[in-house]
Amino acid sequence: MVVADDPETLDPHLAFHLNAGVDHVLVVAPDARDGAAEVLESYAKGGHVRRVSARGAGAASSHTDLARLAVAEHGADWVIPSTPREFWWPRGESLKDVLAVIPPRYGVVQALVREFAGRRGEGFFADEMTARTSLLATGAGPVGSPRHLLRPIYRAEPEFELDSEDWTLAGRRVPLRAWYPIEVLHFSASAQAGDDASIEQRLAAGALVVDTRLEDALRGLRDAGGGTFALPAEGASRIAFPVPSIVDDASYAIECAAVGEVDLVRLDRHIRELEQRIAALEARFWPRVRGALRRLARRPS
């Protein structure tokens, strides 16, 4: 991941994902100072995090470098580009368990973004943020492009390349569509200035729903660590991710279908662009063929 100076979410982010099935965390932190640098150093001493110098310009280049390093030196199977404010929640026992059953033909698994609204307060950020948007709310269809509703996880490959505008690299990576087996619990910096009254109104109207999963998981890690965030015990996660019930899966499928409809718009655009390219090629190809045939017809037998 690429991080800045954000110690409040960085420490729980690292502890959460190491308990969720992540083996190695590679970090580019050009602006990390004070608290964030101390957090990274503490995890690096334990062998859980490796801090890497950025080679290229921009986050995408850094992610590409990190992914290639993860494959070359750590034998990564999957790569999850992330930020400290994203918590990847598996809809299964762990991230490993969810990704292990993905058929080999799929190179991209997409995760559904869960955007949280913030309450005013000075407590721990996860305790203050327990209300998130819902795609099941009346009239609350998907807003924005698929990039704002979904986040990619990539199957690792030696010459990994990341394009934030095209996760499939023009179709060279096959995405798993219509089902998103991982959720991204996302807390934006601006969400911390939320208004309590507004949030209560939106909760009452059904535009927001109460979601305490991350709050409960992080509180459990702090309790297990005696005030600090505990790491996995002898390879076993300290987070018990619940397997979704049939009812939960049914409502989640409706939300996935709504997002899938937005994704189809992008697919339709790609198909139209492909058709235009084919038409342009044909416009150049067939005149050449006709010209060649005419020249052959004029040749003496």
C-alpha atoms as a PDB file:
ATOM      1  CA  MET A   1       0.000   0.000   0.000  1.00  0.00           C
ATOM      2  CA  VAL A   2       0.932   3.633  -0.388  1.00  0.00           C
ATOM      3  CA  VAL A   3       0.461   5.612   2.822  1.00  0.00           C
ATOM      4  CA  ALA A   4       0.896   9.107   4.171  1.00  0.00           C
ATOM      5  CA  ASP A   5       0.983  10.311   7.760  1.00  0.00           C
ATOM      6  CA  ASP A   6      -2.116   8.547   9.110  1.00  0.00           C
ATOM      7  CA  PRO A   7      -1.214   6.623  12.299  1.00  0.00           C
ATOM      8  CA  GLU A   8      -4.789   6.469  13.590  1.00  0.00           C
ATOM      9  CA  THR A   9      -5.897   4.045  10.886  1.00  0.00           C
ATOM     10  CA  LEU A  10      -2.499   2.604   9.925  1.00  0.00           C
ATOM     11  CA  ASP A  11      -1.977   0.566  13.102  1.00  0.00           C
ATOM     12  CA  PRO A  12      -5.448  -1.080  13.104  1.00  0.00           C
ATOM     13  CA  HIS A  13      -5.235  -1.515   9.318  1.00  0.00           C
ATOM     14  CA  LEU A  14      -2.063  -3.596   9.575  1.00  0.00           C
ATOM     15  CA  ALA A  15      -3.256  -5.650  12.547  1.00  0.00           C
ATOM     16  CA  PHE A  16      -6.643  -6.307  10.954  1.00  0.00           C
ATOM     17  CA  HIS A  17      -5.283  -7.590   7.644  1.00  0.00           C
ATOM     18  CA  LEU A  18      -2.565  -9.725   9.208  1.00  0.00           C
ATOM     19  CA  ASN A  19      -5.403 -11.370  11.157  1.00  0.00           C
ATOM     20  CA  ALA A  20      -7.576 -11.573   8.027  1.00  0.00           C
ATOM     21  CA  GLY A  21      -5.192 -13.789   6.062  1.00  0.00           C
ATOM     22  CA  VAL A  22      -2.653 -11.379   4.550  1.00  0.00           C
ATOM     23  CA  ASP A  23       0.882 -12.816   4.718  1.00  0.00           C
ATOM     24  CA  HIS A  24       3.029  -9.828   3.756  1.00  0.00           C
ATOM     25  CA  VAL A  25       2.448  -6.090   3.693  1.00  0.00           C
ATOM     26  CA  LEU A  26       4.705  -4.028   1.429  1.00  0.00           C
ATOM     27  CA  VAL A  27       4.526  -0.293   1.993  1.00  0.00           C
ATOM     28  CA  VAL A  28       5.583   2.864   0.189  1.00  0.00           C
ATOM     29  CA  ALA A  29       5.350   5.701   2.699  1.00  0.00           C
ATOM     30  CA  PRO A  30       7.019   8.826   1.287  1.00  0.00           C
ATOM     31  CA  ASP A  31       5.262  11.192   3.707  1.00  0.00           C
ATOM     32  CA  ALA A  32       5.167   9.007   6.820  1.00  0.00           C
ATOM     33  CA  ARG A  33       6.370  10.923   9.867  1.00  0.00           C
ATOM     34  CA  ASP A  34       6.152  10.710  13.613  1.00  0.00           C
ATOM     35  CA  GLY A  35       3.319   8.349  14.551  1.00  0.00           C
ATOM     36  CA  ALA A  36       2.987   6.637  11.161  1.00  0.00           C
ATOM     37  CA  ALA A  37       6.736   6.037  10.925  1.00  0.00           C
ATOM     38  CA  GLU A  38       6.753   4.545  14.422  1.00  0.00           C
ATOM     39  CA  VAL A  39       3.880   2.226  13.560  1.00  0.00           C
ATOM     40  CA  LEU A  40       5.626   1.001  10.413  1.00  0.00           C
ATOM     41  CA  GLU A  41       8.882   0.490  12.293  1.00  0.00           C
ATOM     42  CA  SER A  42       7.208  -1.580  15.008  1.00  0.00           C
ATOM     43  CA  TYR A  43       5.605  -3.911  12.455  1.00  0.00           C
ATOM     44  CA  ALA A  44       8.816  -4.080  10.420  1.00  0.00           C
ATOM     45  CA  LYS A  45      10.756  -5.237  13.492  1.00  0.00           C
ATOM     46  CA  GLY A  46       8.295  -8.077  13.884  1.00  0.00           C
ATOM     47  CA  GLY A  47       8.835  -9.136  10.281  1.00  0.00           C
ATOM     48  CA  HIS A  48       5.260  -8.369   9.259  1.00  0.00           C
ATOM     49  CA  VAL A  49       5.810  -5.253   7.152  1.00  0.00           C
ATOM     50  CA  ARG A  50       8.469  -4.244   4.668  1.00  0.00           C
ATOM     51  CA  ARG A  51       8.948  -0.610   3.778  1.00  0.00           C
ATOM     52  CA  VAL A  52      10.016  -0.066   0.159  1.00  0.00           C
ATOM     53  CA  SER A  53      11.316   3.025  -1.619  1.00  0.00           C
ATOM     54  CA  ALA A  54       9.151   4.308  -4.479  1.00  0.00           C
ATOM     55  CA  ARG A  55      10.771   3.927  -7.894  1.00  0.00           C
ATOM     56  CA  GLY A  56       8.291   5.653 -10.189  1.00  0.00           C
ATOM     57  CA  ALA A  57       6.034   8.664 -10.078  1.00  0.00           C
ATOM     58  CA  GLY A  58       2.540   8.309  -8.701  1.00  0.00           C
ATOM     59  CA  ALA A  59       0.612   5.741  -6.676  1.00  0.00           C
ATOM     60  CA  ALA A  60      -0.087   3.441  -9.632  1.00  0.00           C
ATOM     61  CA  SER A  61       3.610   3.098 -10.389  1.00  0.00           C
ATOM     62  CA  SER A  62       4.328   2.405  -6.715  1.00  0.00           C
ATOM     63  CA  HIS A  63       1.618  -0.257  -6.588  1.00  0.00           C
ATOM     64  CA  THR A  64       3.042  -1.905  -9.708  1.00  0.00           C
ATOM     65  CA  ASP A  65       6.526  -1.988  -8.174  1.00  0.00           C
ATOM     66  CA  LEU A  66       5.188  -3.381  -4.901  1.00  0.00           C
ATOM     67  CA  ALA A  67       3.185  -6.081  -6.667  1.00  0.00           C
ATOM     68  CA  ARG A  68       6.152  -7.246  -8.729  1.00  0.00           C
ATOM     69  CA  LEU A  69       8.269  -7.339  -5.596  1.00  0.00           C
ATOM     70  CA  ALA A  70       5.588  -9.336  -3.777  1.00  0.00           C
ATOM     71  CA  VAL A  71       5.604 -11.926  -6.559  1.00  0.00           C
ATOM     72  CA  ALA A  72       9.367 -12.095  -7.056  1.00  0.00           C
ATOM     73  CA  GLU A  73      10.450 -12.201  -3.417  1.00  0.00           C
ATOM     74  CA  HIS A  74       7.412 -13.437  -1.500  1.00  0.00           C
ATOM     75  CA  GLY A  75       5.674 -15.734  -3.977  1.00  0.00           C
ATOM     76  CA  ALA A  76       2.397 -13.821  -3.733  1.00  0.00           C
ATOM     77  CA  ASP A  77      -0.733 -15.470  -5.115  1.00  0.00           C
ATOM     78  CA  TRP A  78      -2.910 -12.363  -4.893  1.00  0.00           C
ATOM     79  CA  VAL A  79      -2.189  -8.640  -4.689  1.00  0.00           C
ATOM     80  CA  ILE A  80      -4.460  -6.175  -2.873  1.00  0.00           C
ATOM     81  CA  PRO A  81      -3.578  -2.515  -3.541  1.00  0.00           C
ATOM     82  CA  SER A  82      -4.877  -0.635  -0.527  1.00  0.00           C
ATOM     83  CA  THR A  83      -4.773   2.479   1.616  1.00  0.00           C
ATOM     84  CA  PRO A  84      -4.876   2.656   5.438  1.00  0.00           C
ATOM     85  CA  ARG A  85      -8.540   3.708   5.336  1.00  0.00           C
ATOM     86  CA  GLU A  86      -9.661   0.553   3.527  1.00  0.00           C
ATOM     87  CA  PHE A  87     -10.458  -2.600   5.481  1.00  0.00           C
ATOM     88  CA  TRP A  88     -10.996  -5.666   3.266  1.00  0.00           C
ATOM     89  CA  TRP A  89     -13.692  -7.821   4.856  1.00  0.00           C
ATOM     90  CA  PRO A  90     -14.020 -11.386   3.485  1.00  0.00           C
ATOM     91  CA  ARG A  91     -17.458 -12.912   3.141  1.00  0.00           C
ATOM     92  CA  GLY A  92     -16.023 -16.153   4.450  1.00  0.00           C
ATOM     93  CA  GLU A  93     -13.585 -17.365   7.083  1.00  0.00           C
ATOM     94  CA  SER A  94     -10.614 -15.339   5.782  1.00  0.00           C
ATOM     95  CA  LEU A  95      -9.287 -13.550   2.723  1.00  0.00           C
ATOM     96  CA  LYS A  96      -7.260 -16.659   1.888  1.00  0.00           C
ATOM     97  CA  ASP A  97     -10.300 -18.933   2.050  1.00  0.00           C
ATOM     98  CA  VAL A  98     -12.354 -16.638  -0.171  1.00  0.00           C
ATOM     99  CA  LEU A  99      -9.662 -16.213  -2.823  1.00  0.00           C
ATOM    100  CA  ALA A 100      -8.551 -19.865  -2.811  1.00  0.00           C
ATOM    101  CA  VAL A 101     -11.790 -21.009  -4.477  1.00  0.00           C
ATOM    102  CA  ILE A 102     -11.655 -18.483  -7.334  1.00  0.00           C
ATOM    103  CA  PRO A 103     -11.208 -20.458 -10.615  1.00  0.00           C
ATOM    104  CA  PRO A 104      -7.784 -19.926 -12.239  1.00  0.00           C
ATOM    105  CA  ARG A 105      -9.221 -18.238 -15.346  1.00  0.00           C
ATOM    106  CA  TYR A 106     -10.175 -15.139 -13.350  1.00  0.00           C
ATOM    107  CA  GLY A 107      -7.413 -12.557 -12.947  1.00  0.00           C
ATOM    108  CA  VAL A 108      -9.398  -9.868 -11.107  1.00  0.00           C
ATOM    109  CA  VAL A 109     -11.739 -10.229  -8.138  1.00  0.00           C
ATOM    110  CA  GLN A 110     -13.753  -7.111  -7.396  1.00  0.00           C
ATOM    111  CA  ALA A 111     -14.725  -6.029  -3.876  1.00  0.00           C
ATOM    112  CA  LEU A 112     -17.844  -4.017  -3.054  1.00  0.00           C
ATOM    113  CA  VAL A 113     -17.083  -0.664  -1.410  1.00  0.00           C
ATOM    114  CA  ARG A 114     -18.948   0.124   1.826  1.00  0.00           C
ATOM    115  CA  GLU A 115     -18.726   3.853   2.496  1.00  0.00           C
ATOM    116  CA  PHE A 116     -19.046   4.873   6.145  1.00  0.00           C
ATOM    117  CA  ALA A 117     -20.367   8.170   7.450  1.00  0.00           C
ATOM    118  CA  GLY A 118     -18.517   9.726  10.367  1.00  0.00           C
ATOM    119  CA  ARG A 119     -19.845  11.047  13.648  1.00  0.00           C
ATOM    120  CA  ARG A 120     -18.357  13.952  15.510  1.00  0.00           C
ATOM    121  CA  GLY A 121     -16.201  12.784  18.393  1.00  0.00           C
ATOM    122  CA  GLU A 122     -12.676  12.356  19.667  1.00  0.00           C
ATOM    123  CA  GLY A 123     -12.776   8.610  20.290  1.00  0.00           C
ATOM    124  CA  PHE A 124     -11.324   5.767  18.266  1.00  0.00           C
ATOM    125  CA  PHE A 125     -12.319   6.236  14.621  1.00  0.00           C
ATOM    126  CA  ALA A 126     -14.004   2.799  14.281  1.00  0.00           C
ATOM    127  CA  ASP A 127     -16.160   3.466  17.340  1.00  0.00           C
ATOM    128  CA  GLU A 128     -17.299   6.750  15.806  1.00  0.00           C
ATOM    129  CA  MET A 129     -18.093   5.258  12.392  1.00  0.00           C
ATOM    130  CA  THR A 130     -20.740   2.562  12.536  1.00  0.00           C
ATOM    131  CA  ALA A 131     -23.220   3.844   9.929  1.00  0.00           C
ATOM    132  CA  ARG A 132     -22.731   3.132   6.246  1.00  0.00           C
ATOM    133  CA  THR A 133     -24.605   3.647   3.016  1.00  0.00           C
ATOM    134  CA  SER A 134     -26.807   0.880   1.648  1.00  0.00           C
ATOM    135  CA  LEU A 135     -27.706   0.087  -1.945  1.00  0.00           C
ATOM    136  CA  LEU A 136     -30.978  -1.411  -0.686  1.00  0.00           C
ATOM    137  CA  ALA A 137     -32.331   1.961   0.432  1.00  0.00           C
ATOM    138  CA  THR A 138     -35.386   3.192  -1.474  1.00  0.00           C
ATOM    139  CA  GLY A 139     -34.240   5.163  -4.488  1.00  0.00           C
ATOM    140  CA  ALA A 140     -30.575   4.744  -3.559  1.00  0.00           C
ATOM    141  CA  GLY A 141     -29.232   3.168  -6.689  1.00  0.00           C
ATOM    142  CA  PRO A 142     -25.523   2.960  -7.414  1.00  0.00           C
ATOM    143  CA  VAL A 143     -23.968   6.403  -7.676  1.00  0.00           C
ATOM    144  CA  GLY A 144     -20.797   7.015  -9.649  1.00  0.00           C
ATOM    145  CA  SER A 145     -18.645   4.844 -11.834  1.00  0.00           C
ATOM    146  CA  PRO A 146     -17.733   1.229 -11.044  1.00  0.00           C
ATOM    147  CA  ARG A 147     -14.331   2.488  -9.833  1.00  0.00           C
ATOM    148  CA  HIS A 148     -16.092   4.241  -6.944  1.00  0.00           C
ATOM    149  CA  LEU A 149     -18.295   1.255  -6.143  1.00  0.00           C
ATOM    150  CA  LEU A 150     -15.756  -1.540  -6.563  1.00  0.00           C
ATOM    151  CA  ARG A 151     -12.096  -2.117  -5.735  1.00  0.00           C
ATOM    152  CA  PRO A 152      -9.865  -4.690  -7.477  1.00  0.00           C
ATOM    153  CA  ILE A 153      -7.840  -7.613  -6.149  1.00  0.00           C
ATOM    154  CA  TYR A 154      -5.394  -9.027  -8.697  1.00  0.00           C
ATOM    155  CA  ARG A 155      -4.146 -12.544  -9.242  1.00  0.00           C
ATOM    156  CA  ALA A 156      -0.369 -12.239  -9.051  1.00  0.00           C
ATOM    157  CA  GLU A 157       1.813 -12.604 -12.122  1.00  0.00           C
ATOM    158  CA  PRO A 158       5.567 -12.037 -12.693  1.00  0.00           C
ATOM    159  CA  GLU A 159       5.213  -9.002 -14.985  1.00  0.00           C
ATOM    160  CA  PHE A 160       2.400  -7.447 -13.021  1.00  0.00           C
ATOM    161  CA  GLU A 161       1.071  -4.169 -14.365  1.00  0.00           C
ATOM    162  CA  LEU A 162      -1.438  -1.902 -12.660  1.00  0.00           C
ATOM    163  CA  ASP A 163      -3.654   0.491 -14.560  1.00  0.00           C
ATOM    164  CA  SER A 164      -6.069   2.282 -12.240  1.00  0.00           C
ATOM    165  CA  GLU A 165      -8.264   3.168 -15.220  1.00  0.00           C
ATOM    166  CA  ASP A 166      -8.437  -0.342 -16.676  1.00  0.00           C
ATOM    167  CA  TRP A 167      -8.199  -3.216 -14.216  1.00  0.00           C
ATOM    168  CA  THR A 168      -8.499  -5.842 -16.955  1.00  0.00           C
ATOM    169  CA  LEU A 169      -5.710  -4.374 -19.136  1.00  0.00           C
ATOM    170  CA  ALA A 170      -7.943  -4.286 -22.209  1.00  0.00           C
ATOM    171  CA  GLY A 171      -9.371  -7.710 -21.494  1.00  0.00           C
ATOM    172  CA  ARG A 172      -6.106  -9.538 -20.834  1.00  0.00           C
ATOM    173  CA  ARG A 173      -7.264 -10.132 -17.256  1.00  0.00           C
ATOM    174  CA  VAL A 174     -10.649 -11.820 -16.899  1.00  0.00           C
ATOM    175  CA  PRO A 175     -12.696 -10.278 -14.038  1.00  0.00           C
ATOM    176  CA  LEU A 176     -15.072 -12.195 -11.817  1.00  0.00           C
ATOM    177  CA  ARG A 177     -18.361 -10.404 -12.432  1.00  0.00           C
ATOM    178  CA  ALA A 178     -21.743 -10.147 -10.725  1.00  0.00           C
ATOM    179  CA  TRP A 179     -20.495 -11.480  -7.377  1.00  0.00           C
ATOM    180  CA  TYR A 180     -18.171  -9.635  -5.022  1.00  0.00           C
ATOM    181  CA  PRO A 181     -16.917 -12.039  -2.311  1.00  0.00           C
ATOM    182  CA  ILE A 182     -15.081  -9.319  -0.360  1.00  0.00           C
ATOM    183  CA  GLU A 183     -16.293  -5.982   0.989  1.00  0.00           C
ATOM    184  CA  VAL A 184     -14.137  -2.887   1.424  1.00  0.00           C
ATOM    185  CA  LEU A 185     -15.109  -1.015   4.576  1.00  0.00           C
ATOM    186  CA  HIS A 186     -13.961   2.484   3.666  1.00  0.00           C
ATOM    187  CA  PHE A 187     -13.577   5.554   5.853  1.00  0.00           C
ATOM    188  CA  SER A 188     -12.807   8.765   4.005  1.00  0.00           C
ATOM    189  CA  ALA A 189     -11.013  11.602   5.745  1.00  0.00           C
ATOM    190  CA  SER A 190     -13.958  13.930   5.089  1.00  0.00           C
ATOM    191  CA  ALA A 191     -16.348  11.478   6.758  1.00  0.00           C
ATOM    192  CA  GLN A 192     -14.904  12.373  10.163  1.00  0.00           C
ATOM    193  CA  ALA A 193     -16.723  15.724  10.033  1.00  0.00           C
ATOM    194  CA  GLY A 194     -20.148  14.117   9.890  1.00  0.00           C
ATOM    195  CA  ASP A 195     -23.174  15.641  11.557  1.00  0.00           C
ATOM    196  CA  ASP A 196     -24.856  13.479  14.206  1.00  0.00           C
ATOM    197  CA  ALA A 197     -28.372  14.777  13.524  1.00  0.00           C
ATOM    198  CA  SER A 198     -28.025  14.241   9.796  1.00  0.00           C
ATOM    199  CA  ILE A 199     -26.751  10.709  10.315  1.00  0.00           C
ATOM    200  CA  GLU A 200     -29.644   9.888  12.656  1.00  0.00           C
ATOM    201  CA  GLN A 201     -32.123  11.175  10.059  1.00  0.00           C
ATOM    202  CA  ARG A 202     -30.529   9.102   7.314  1.00  0.00           C
ATOM    203  CA  LEU A 203     -30.551   6.035   9.557  1.00  0.00           C
ATOM    204  CA  ALA A 204     -34.239   6.543  10.278  1.00  0.00           C
ATOM    205  CA  ALA A 205     -34.968   6.961   6.563  1.00  0.00           C
ATOM    206  CA  GLY A 206     -33.031   3.803   5.676  1.00  0.00           C
ATOM    207  CA  ALA A 207     -30.393   5.583   3.596  1.00  0.00           C
ATOM    208  CA  LEU A 208     -27.810   4.432   6.149  1.00  0.00           C
ATOM    209  CA  VAL A 209     -27.601   1.157   8.051  1.00  0.00           C
ATOM    210  CA  VAL A 210     -25.806   0.309  11.278  1.00  0.00           C
ATOM    211  CA  ASP A 211     -22.717  -1.827  10.671  1.00  0.00           C
ATOM    212  CA  THR A 212     -20.513  -2.585  13.690  1.00  0.00           C
ATOM    213  CA  ARG A 213     -18.464  -5.415  12.185  1.00  0.00           C
ATOM    214  CA  LEU A 214     -15.175  -3.526  12.059  1.00  0.00           C
ATOM    215  CA  GLU A 215     -15.744  -1.856  15.411  1.00  0.00           C
ATOM    216  CA  ASP A 216     -16.299  -5.268  17.015  1.00  0.00           C
ATOM    217  CA  ALA A 217     -13.314  -6.861  15.244  1.00  0.00           C
ATOM    218  CA  LEU A 218     -10.879  -4.091  16.190  1.00  0.00           C
ATOM    219  CA  ARG A 219     -12.150  -3.963  19.763  1.00  0.00           C
ATOM    220  CA  GLY A 220     -11.510  -7.707  19.980  1.00  0.00           C
ATOM    221  CA  LEU A 221      -7.951  -7.261  18.688  1.00  0.00           C
ATOM    222  CA  ARG A 222      -7.303  -4.511  21.259  1.00  0.00           C
ATOM    223  CA  ASP A 223      -8.724  -6.632  24.086  1.00  0.00           C
ATOM    224  CA  ALA A 224      -6.598  -9.610  23.021  1.00  0.00           C
ATOM    225  CA  GLY A 225      -3.496  -7.416  22.932  1.00  0.00           C
ATOM    226  CA  GLY A 226      -4.131  -5.757  26.266  1.00  0.00           C
ATOM    227  CA  GLY A 227      -4.627  -2.310  24.801  1.00  0.00           C
ATOM    228  CA  THR A 228      -2.568  -2.729  21.640  1.00  0.00           C
ATOM    229  CA  PHE A 229      -3.662  -4.474  18.482  1.00  0.00           C
ATOM    230  CA  ALA A 230      -2.875  -8.170  18.686  1.00  0.00           C
ATOM    231  CA  LEU A 231      -1.282 -10.082  15.819  1.00  0.00           C
ATOM    232  CA  PRO A 232      -2.271 -13.640  14.793  1.00  0.00           C
ATOM    233  CA  ALA A 233      -1.493 -16.244  17.434  1.00  0.00           C
ATOM    234  CA  GLU A 234       0.762 -18.939  15.962  1.00  0.00           C
ATOM    235  CA  GLY A 235      -0.679 -18.415  12.498  1.00  0.00           C
ATOM    236  CA  ALA A 236      -4.302 -18.447  13.688  1.00  0.00           C
ATOM    237  CA  SER A 237      -6.441 -15.354  13.198  1.00  0.00           C
ATOM    238  CA  ARG A 238      -7.871 -13.615  16.233  1.00  0.00           C
ATOM    239  CA  ILE A 239     -10.855 -12.443  14.152  1.00  0.00           C
ATOM    240  CA  ALA A 240     -13.771 -14.830  13.755  1.00  0.00           C
ATOM    241  CA  PHE A 241     -15.256 -13.757  10.428  1.00  0.00           C
ATOM    242  CA  PRO A 242     -18.885 -14.929  10.352  1.00  0.00           C
ATOM    243  CA  VAL A 243     -20.022 -16.945   7.352  1.00  0.00           C
ATOM    244  CA  PRO A 244     -23.016 -15.048   5.876  1.00  0.00           C
ATOM    245  CA  SER A 245     -26.450 -16.569   6.340  1.00  0.00           C
ATOM    246  CA  ILE A 246     -28.783 -17.353   3.447  1.00  0.00           C
ATOM    247  CA  VAL A 247     -30.834 -14.236   4.225  1.00  0.00           C
ATOM    248  CA  ASP A 248     -27.721 -12.045   4.329  1.00  0.00           C
ATOM    249  CA  ASP A 249     -26.440 -13.515   1.081  1.00  0.00           C
ATOM    250  CA  ALA A 250     -29.810 -12.896  -0.582  1.00  0.00           C
ATOM    251  CA  SER A 251     -29.854  -9.176   0.287  1.00  0.00           C
ATOM    252  CA  TYR A 252     -26.188  -8.888  -0.645  1.00  0.00           C
ATOM    253  CA  ALA A 253     -26.919 -10.470  -4.029  1.00  0.00           C
ATOM    254  CA  ILE A 254     -29.451  -7.702  -4.724  1.00  0.00           C
ATOM    255  CA  GLU A 255     -26.801  -5.063  -4.044  1.00  0.00           C
ATOM    256  CA  CYS A 256     -24.294  -6.922  -6.210  1.00  0.00           C
ATOM    257  CA  ALA A 257     -26.840  -7.022  -9.034  1.00  0.00           C
ATOM    258  CA  ALA A 258     -27.379  -3.264  -8.765  1.00  0.00           C
ATOM    259  CA  VAL A 259     -23.654  -2.622  -9.056  1.00  0.00           C
ATOM    260  CA  GLY A 260     -23.424  -5.136 -11.869  1.00  0.00           C
ATOM    261  CA  GLU A 261     -25.882  -3.073 -13.899  1.00  0.00           C
ATOM    262  CA  VAL A 262     -23.552  -0.082 -13.593  1.00  0.00           C
ATOM    263  CA  ASP A 263     -20.652  -2.272 -14.712  1.00  0.00           C
ATOM    264  CA  LEU A 264     -22.619  -3.305 -17.795  1.00  0.00           C
ATOM    265  CA  VAL A 265     -22.612   0.309 -18.980  1.00  0.00           C
ATOM    266  CA  ARG A 266     -18.833   0.226 -19.075  1.00  0.00           C
ATOM    267  CA  LEU A 267     -18.886  -3.146 -20.840  1.00  0.00           C
ATOM    268  CA  ASP A 268     -21.256  -1.768 -23.452  1.00  0.00           C
ATOM    269  CA  ARG A 269     -18.905   1.157 -24.030  1.00  0.00           C
ATOM    270  CA  HIS A 270     -15.950  -1.219 -24.501  1.00  0.00           C
ATOM    271  CA  ILE A 271     -17.953  -3.294 -26.965  1.00  0.00           C
ATOM    272  CA  ARG A 272     -18.900  -0.215 -28.975  1.00  0.00           C
ATOM    273  CA  GLU A 273     -15.269   0.934 -29.046  1.00  0.00           C
ATOM    274  CA  LEU A 274     -14.204  -2.525 -30.202  1.00  0.00           C
ATOM    275  CA  GLU A 275     -16.836  -2.510 -32.952  1.00  0.00           C
ATOM    276  CA  GLN A 276     -15.600   0.900 -34.134  1.00  0.00           C
ATOM    277  CA  ARG A 277     -12.014  -0.348 -34.245  1.00  0.00           C
ATOM    278  CA  ILE A 278     -13.052  -3.431 -36.229  1.00  0.00           C
ATOM    279  CA  ALA A 279     -15.026  -1.261 -38.656  1.00  0.00           C
ATOM    280  CA  ALA A 280     -11.993   0.994 -39.137  1.00  0.00           C
ATOM    281  CA  LEU A 281      -9.767  -2.002 -39.821  1.00  0.00           C
ATOM    282  CA  GLU A 282     -12.274  -3.451 -42.265  1.00  0.00           C
ATOM    283  CA  ALA A 283     -12.515  -0.085 -44.038  1.00  0.00           C
ATOM    284  CA  ARG A 284      -8.786  -0.242 -44.688  1.00  0.00           C
ATOM    285  CA  PHE A 285      -8.600  -3.983 -45.345  1.00  0.00           C
ATOM    286  CA  TRP A 286     -11.272  -4.619 -47.974  1.00  0.00           C
ATOM    287  CA  PRO A 287     -10.185  -1.869 -50.422  1.00  0.00           C
ATOM    288  CA  ARG A 288      -6.738  -3.405 -50.365  1.00  0.00           C
ATOM    289  CA  VAL A 289      -8.190  -6.853 -51.058  1.00  0.00           C
ATOM    290  CA  ARG A 290     -10.298  -5.535 -53.940  1.00  0.00           C
ATOM    291  CA  GLY A 291      -7.303  -3.712 -55.370  1.00  0.00           C
ATOM    292  CA  ALA A 292      -5.196  -6.866 -55.193  1.00  0.00           C
ATOM    293  CA  LEU A 293      -7.932  -8.890 -56.906  1.00  0.00           C
ATOM    294  CA  ARG A 294      -8.226  -6.328 -59.707  1.00  0.00           C
ATOM    295  CA  ARG A 295      -4.470  -6.454 -60.287  1.00  0.00           C
ATOM    296  CA  LEU A 296      -4.581 -10.229 -60.430  1.00  0.00           C
ATOM    297  CA  ALA A 297      -7.488 -10.130 -62.908  1.00  0.00           C
ATOM    298  CA  ARG A 298      -5.529  -7.835 -65.252  1.00  0.00           C
ATOM    299  CA  ARG A 299      -2.511 -10.095 -65.365  1.00  0.00           C
ATOM    300  CA  PRO A 300      -2.125 -12.101 -68.598  1.00  0.00           C
ATOM    301  CA  SER A 301      -2.792 -15.795 -68.196  1.00  0.00           C
END
